Amino acid sequence: MANPLDIKTFPRRIDPNMPRRGFYPTLTRGDAVRDILQPGEEVTSFTVTPNADATAAGLVVLTDGDFTPRYAGLTFAFWVEIATAMRGSSIFNGTGIVLGVEISFTTNFQQQDQITVGIRVANK
């Protein structure tokens, strides 16, 4: 699946040759239209996965030990790296490529939602 046209991309890019890098997207809570969670609403379960294009480019969300994705206080935490076989790919040359990570979650209000965040991967 391609990235959404309105994807929010982290300002920090990663080098494909570097080991894991952490990212921390934060949800908003309130009663405004822009808020993702309503007052009293809590995330009860979630998954963090690269979208199809990111998987094809070698983006991996780490899932072991200290680098297991987590959620607390409106903030998700996850760590990514590029698979060894893809680190030399020319897709990371120049300005690189924005790869999407999908965060799917369910709340105590029985709502399901998904947001996609972008991570720019470029050779330094």
Foldseek 3Di string as FASTA:
>chain_A
DDDDPPAAEDPDAAEQPDPKDKDKDFFAEDDDPRGPHYVPKDWDDKDKAWPPVCVVLQKDWDPDDPARWDDDDRIIMTMIHGDPVNNPPPCQEDQHDWTWMKMWTAIPVRDIDIHIHTHGYHHD
